Amino acid sequence: MVGDCNEDELIKAIIAVNGETESDDLKRQLFTDKMYKFRDGKSTDRVLDLIESIMRG
């Protein structure tokens, strides 16, 4: 019965309805970490360093 659920059971039920699992969350995090390695706000500096190194030869 729905009225007898505790908080953990409710969370699991919502996740089940949405089709989301902890495994999906982990997969998403691993993908994000792999694809977006440089999320430190210094991308422009790296691009400028690369351009300068190419121009120097």
N, C-alpha and C. Protein backbone atom coordinates (compact mmCIF):
# COMPACT_ATOMS: atom_id res chain seq x y z
N MET A 1 0.84 -1.18 0.00
CA MET A 1 0.00 0.00 0.00
C MET A 1 0.89 1.24 0.00
N VAL A 2 0.53 2.27 -0.76
CA VAL A 2 1.36 3.47 -0.91
C VAL A 2 1.53 4.19 0.41
N GLY A 3 0.52 4.25 1.22
CA GLY A 3 0.60 4.96 2.49
C GLY A 3 1.58 4.35 3.46
N ASP A 4 1.98 3.10 3.25
CA ASP A 4 2.87 2.42 4.16
C ASP A 4 4.34 2.51 3.74
N CYS A 5 4.66 3.25 2.69
CA CYS A 5 6.04 3.34 2.19
C CYS A 5 6.87 4.26 3.06
N ASN A 6 8.14 3.90 3.23
CA ASN A 6 9.05 4.83 3.87
C ASN A 6 9.74 5.65 2.79
N GLU A 7 10.58 6.58 3.17
CA GLU A 7 11.21 7.49 2.22
C GLU A 7 12.07 6.75 1.19
N ASP A 8 12.85 5.77 1.64
CA ASP A 8 13.71 5.02 0.72
C ASP A 8 12.90 4.26 -0.32
N GLU A 9 11.80 3.66 0.12
CA GLU A 9 10.94 2.94 -0.81
C GLU A 9 10.31 3.88 -1.82
N LEU A 10 9.95 5.07 -1.37
CA LEU A 10 9.36 6.06 -2.26
C LEU A 10 10.38 6.49 -3.33
N ILE A 11 11.60 6.74 -2.91
CA ILE A 11 12.65 7.13 -3.85
C ILE A 11 12.89 6.03 -4.88
N LYS A 12 12.96 4.78 -4.42
CA LYS A 12 13.16 3.65 -5.33
C LYS A 12 11.99 3.54 -6.31
N ALA A 13 10.78 3.78 -5.84
CA ALA A 13 9.61 3.69 -6.70
C ALA A 13 9.64 4.79 -7.77
N ILE A 14 10.02 5.99 -7.38
CA ILE A 14 10.12 7.10 -8.35
C ILE A 14 11.19 6.80 -9.38
N ILE A 15 12.33 6.30 -8.93
CA ILE A 15 13.41 5.96 -9.86
C ILE A 15 12.95 4.87 -10.82
N ALA A 16 12.23 3.89 -10.31
CA ALA A 16 11.76 2.79 -11.15
C ALA A 16 10.78 3.30 -12.21
N VAL A 17 9.93 4.22 -11.85
CA VAL A 17 8.97 4.78 -12.81
C VAL A 17 9.71 5.56 -13.89
N ASN A 18 10.74 6.28 -13.50
CA ASN A 18 11.51 7.07 -14.46
C ASN A 18 12.48 6.21 -15.26
N GLY A 19 12.66 4.95 -14.88
CA GLY A 19 13.58 4.08 -15.59
C GLY A 19 15.04 4.37 -15.25
N GLU A 20 15.28 5.15 -14.24
CA GLU A 20 16.63 5.56 -13.85
C GLU A 20 17.14 4.62 -12.77
N THR A 21 18.37 4.19 -12.91
CA THR A 21 18.96 3.33 -11.89
C THR A 21 20.28 3.92 -11.43
N GLU A 22 20.80 3.43 -10.33
CA GLU A 22 22.11 3.89 -9.86
C GLU A 22 23.18 3.54 -10.90
N SER A 23 23.00 2.42 -11.58
CA SER A 23 23.93 2.02 -12.63
C SER A 23 23.93 3.04 -13.76
N ASP A 24 22.75 3.54 -14.14
CA ASP A 24 22.65 4.57 -15.18
C ASP A 24 23.37 5.84 -14.74
N ASP A 25 23.19 6.20 -13.48
CA ASP A 25 23.84 7.39 -12.96
C ASP A 25 25.36 7.24 -13.01
N LEU A 26 25.86 6.08 -12.64
CA LEU A 26 27.30 5.81 -12.68
C LEU A 26 27.82 5.86 -14.11
N LYS A 27 27.09 5.24 -15.03
CA LYS A 27 27.49 5.26 -16.44
C LYS A 27 27.55 6.69 -16.96
N ARG A 28 26.55 7.49 -16.60
CA ARG A 28 26.52 8.88 -17.04
C ARG A 28 27.72 9.65 -16.48
N GLN A 29 28.04 9.40 -15.22
CA GLN A 29 29.18 10.09 -14.60
C GLN A 29 30.50 9.67 -15.26
N LEU A 30 30.67 8.39 -15.55
CA LEU A 30 31.89 7.91 -16.21
C LEU A 30 32.02 8.51 -17.60
N PHE A 31 30.91 8.60 -18.35
CA PHE A 31 30.92 9.20 -19.67
C PHE A 31 31.31 10.67 -19.58
N THR A 32 30.70 11.38 -18.64
CA THR A 32 30.98 12.81 -18.47
C THR A 32 32.45 13.02 -18.13
N ASP A 33 32.97 12.21 -17.23
CA ASP A 33 34.38 12.34 -16.84
C ASP A 33 35.31 12.07 -18.01
N LYS A 34 34.94 11.13 -18.87
CA LYS A 34 35.78 10.79 -20.02
C LYS A 34 35.70 11.86 -21.11
N MET A 35 34.50 12.30 -21.42
CA MET A 35 34.31 13.22 -22.54
C MET A 35 34.63 14.68 -22.19
N TYR A 36 34.50 15.02 -20.95
CA TYR A 36 34.71 16.41 -20.53
C TYR A 36 35.83 16.46 -19.50
N LYS A 37 36.98 15.99 -19.92
CA LYS A 37 38.14 15.88 -19.02
C LYS A 37 38.55 17.23 -18.45
N PHE A 38 38.49 18.27 -19.28
CA PHE A 38 38.98 19.58 -18.85
C PHE A 38 37.81 20.51 -18.57
N ARG A 39 37.27 20.42 -17.38
CA ARG A 39 36.18 21.31 -16.97
C ARG A 39 36.68 22.23 -15.87
N ASP A 40 37.86 22.78 -16.07
CA ASP A 40 38.47 23.59 -15.03
C ASP A 40 38.44 25.08 -15.33
N GLY A 41 37.80 25.48 -16.44
CA GLY A 41 37.72 26.89 -16.78
C GLY A 41 38.97 27.44 -17.45
N LYS A 42 39.88 26.57 -17.84
CA LYS A 42 41.13 27.02 -18.43
C LYS A 42 41.28 26.58 -19.89
N SER A 43 40.18 26.27 -20.54
CA SER A 43 40.24 25.79 -21.93
C SER A 43 40.84 26.83 -22.85
N THR A 44 40.45 28.08 -22.69
CA THR A 44 40.98 29.14 -23.55
C THR A 44 42.49 29.26 -23.40
N ASP A 45 42.98 29.16 -22.17
CA ASP A 45 44.43 29.21 -21.95
C ASP A 45 45.14 28.08 -22.68
N ARG A 46 44.55 26.88 -22.65
CA ARG A 46 45.18 25.75 -23.34
C ARG A 46 45.19 25.95 -24.85
N VAL A 47 44.09 26.50 -25.39
CA VAL A 47 44.03 26.76 -26.84
C VAL A 47 45.07 27.79 -27.22
N LEU A 48 45.17 28.87 -26.45
CA LEU A 48 46.16 29.91 -26.74
C LEU A 48 47.58 29.36 -26.65
N ASP A 49 47.84 28.54 -25.65
CA ASP A 49 49.18 27.91 -25.53
C ASP A 49 49.49 27.05 -26.75
N LEU A 50 48.50 26.30 -27.22
CA LEU A 50 48.69 25.46 -28.40
C LEU A 50 48.98 26.31 -29.63
N ILE A 51 48.20 27.36 -29.82
CA ILE A 51 48.42 28.26 -30.97
C ILE A 51 49.79 28.88 -30.91
N GLU A 52 50.20 29.35 -29.75
CA GLU A 52 51.53 29.95 -29.60
C GLU A 52 52.64 28.95 -29.89
N SER A 53 52.46 27.71 -29.44
CA SER A 53 53.50 26.70 -29.69
C SER A 53 53.58 26.37 -31.18
N ILE A 54 52.45 26.36 -31.88
CA ILE A 54 52.45 26.10 -33.32
C ILE A 54 53.12 27.25 -34.06
N MET A 55 52.83 28.46 -33.62
CA MET A 55 53.41 29.63 -34.30
C MET A 55 54.93 29.72 -34.10
N ARG A 56 55.41 29.25 -32.94
CA ARG A 56 56.85 29.27 -32.67
C ARG A 56 57.58 28.19 -33.48
N GLY A 57 56.83 27.16 -33.86
CA GLY A 57 57.42 26.11 -34.67
C GLY A 57 57.88 24.99 -33.90
